[in-house]
Protein backbone atom coordinates (compact mmCIF):
# COMPACT_ATOMS: atom_id res chain seq x y z
CA MET A 1 -14.50 24.89 -1.23
CA GLU A 2 -14.79 20.89 -0.22
CA ASN A 3 -13.13 19.03 2.57
CA GLN A 4 -10.45 17.50 1.25
CA ALA A 5 -8.93 14.64 3.12
CA LYS A 6 -5.45 13.96 4.52
CA THR A 7 -3.17 11.33 3.83
CA ASN A 8 -2.26 9.51 6.65
CA GLY A 9 1.01 10.62 8.19
CA LEU A 10 1.54 7.02 9.69
CA ALA A 11 0.81 5.38 6.21
CA ILE A 12 4.12 7.35 4.58
CA ALA A 13 5.57 6.81 7.14
CA GLY A 14 5.04 3.04 7.29
CA PHE A 15 5.42 2.35 3.40
CA VAL A 16 9.09 4.92 3.24
CA VAL A 17 10.14 2.78 5.97
CA SER A 18 8.78 -0.62 3.79
CA LEU A 19 11.56 0.84 1.31
CA VAL A 20 14.13 1.05 3.52
CA SER A 21 13.79 -1.83 4.70
CA LEU A 22 14.86 -3.13 1.25
CA LEU A 23 18.14 -1.32 1.78
CA ILE A 24 19.07 -1.73 4.76
CA ASN A 25 17.59 -3.99 7.25
CA PHE A 26 19.59 -5.13 10.84
CA ALA A 27 17.50 -9.32 10.72
CA GLY A 28 14.13 -7.64 10.01
CA ILE A 29 13.84 -4.78 12.46
CA VAL A 30 13.35 -2.23 9.92
CA GLY A 31 10.99 -4.32 7.81
CA LEU A 32 8.79 -4.88 10.99
CA THR A 33 9.06 -1.16 11.80
CA GLY A 34 7.25 -0.42 8.06
CA THR A 35 5.06 -3.05 8.51
CA ILE A 36 3.68 -1.93 11.90
CA LEU A 37 4.21 1.64 10.55
CA SER A 38 1.31 1.34 7.01
CA ALA A 39 -0.97 -1.72 9.42
CA VAL A 40 -1.69 1.03 12.07
CA GLY A 41 -1.77 3.42 9.35
CA LEU A 42 -4.73 1.55 7.16
CA SER A 43 -6.06 1.19 10.01
CA GLN A 44 -6.46 4.96 10.94
CA ILE A 45 -7.74 5.73 7.35
CA ASN A 46 -10.16 2.63 7.29
CA SER A 47 -11.45 4.73 10.40
CA ARG A 48 -11.03 8.53 9.84
CA GLY A 49 -11.79 8.46 6.10
CA GLU A 50 -7.73 9.49 5.51
CA LYS A 51 -6.39 8.78 2.20
CA GLY A 52 -3.54 6.71 1.93
CA LYS A 53 -4.79 3.41 1.47
CA GLY A 54 -2.87 2.02 -1.02
CA MET A 55 0.22 3.54 0.45
CA ALA A 56 -0.51 1.73 4.08
CA ILE A 57 -1.61 -1.48 1.93
CA ALA A 58 1.93 -1.25 -0.42
CA GLY A 59 4.19 -0.67 3.08
CA LEU A 60 2.75 -3.82 4.24
CA ILE A 61 3.48 -6.20 1.32
CA ILE A 62 6.84 -4.50 1.36
CA GLY A 63 7.65 -4.69 4.05
CA ILE A 64 6.88 -8.03 5.28
CA ILE A 65 9.06 -8.72 2.13
CA GLY A 66 11.57 -7.37 4.27
CA ILE A 67 11.09 -9.44 7.28
CA VAL A 68 11.23 -12.48 5.43
CA TRP A 69 14.28 -11.01 3.59
CA GLY A 70 16.14 -10.98 6.95
CA ILE A 71 14.76 -14.18 8.39
CA ILE A 72 16.34 -15.42 5.25
CA SER A 73 19.77 -13.27 5.66
CA ILE A 74 20.00 -14.44 9.80
CA ALA A 75 19.16 -18.40 8.15
CA SER A 76 21.84 -18.23 5.77
CA CYS A 77 24.68 -16.64 7.61
CA THR A 78 23.77 -18.92 10.01
CA ALA A 79 24.33 -21.92 7.99
CA ILE A 80 27.54 -20.41 6.56
CA LEU A 81 29.26 -19.77 9.87
CA SER A 82 28.18 -23.08 11.10
CA GLY A 83 29.45 -24.78 8.29
CA LEU A 84 32.56 -23.34 9.29
C-alpha cells in the first residue's frame, strides 16, 4: 500500500468557517477566524506535505472577503446612525 497523505484538518475548518462568515459575520470576526485557521492550515500543509492546499487557499480568499464585508457593514451602519 502507498502512504497516502491525509487532508489537513485546519484547512477544512478554515474553509468551512470562512463559508459561514458569508452568512453570519459578526463584524468580520468570523471571517478573521476562518482566515487564521486557513493560514495555519496552509503552513502545516507546506511543512508536513498534507493534502488540502486548494481548500486552505479558498478559505483564505473567502475569509478575507468576509473581513472586508464586515468592515463595510460597520462603516455603513455607522454612516446611517450618524445621519439620524
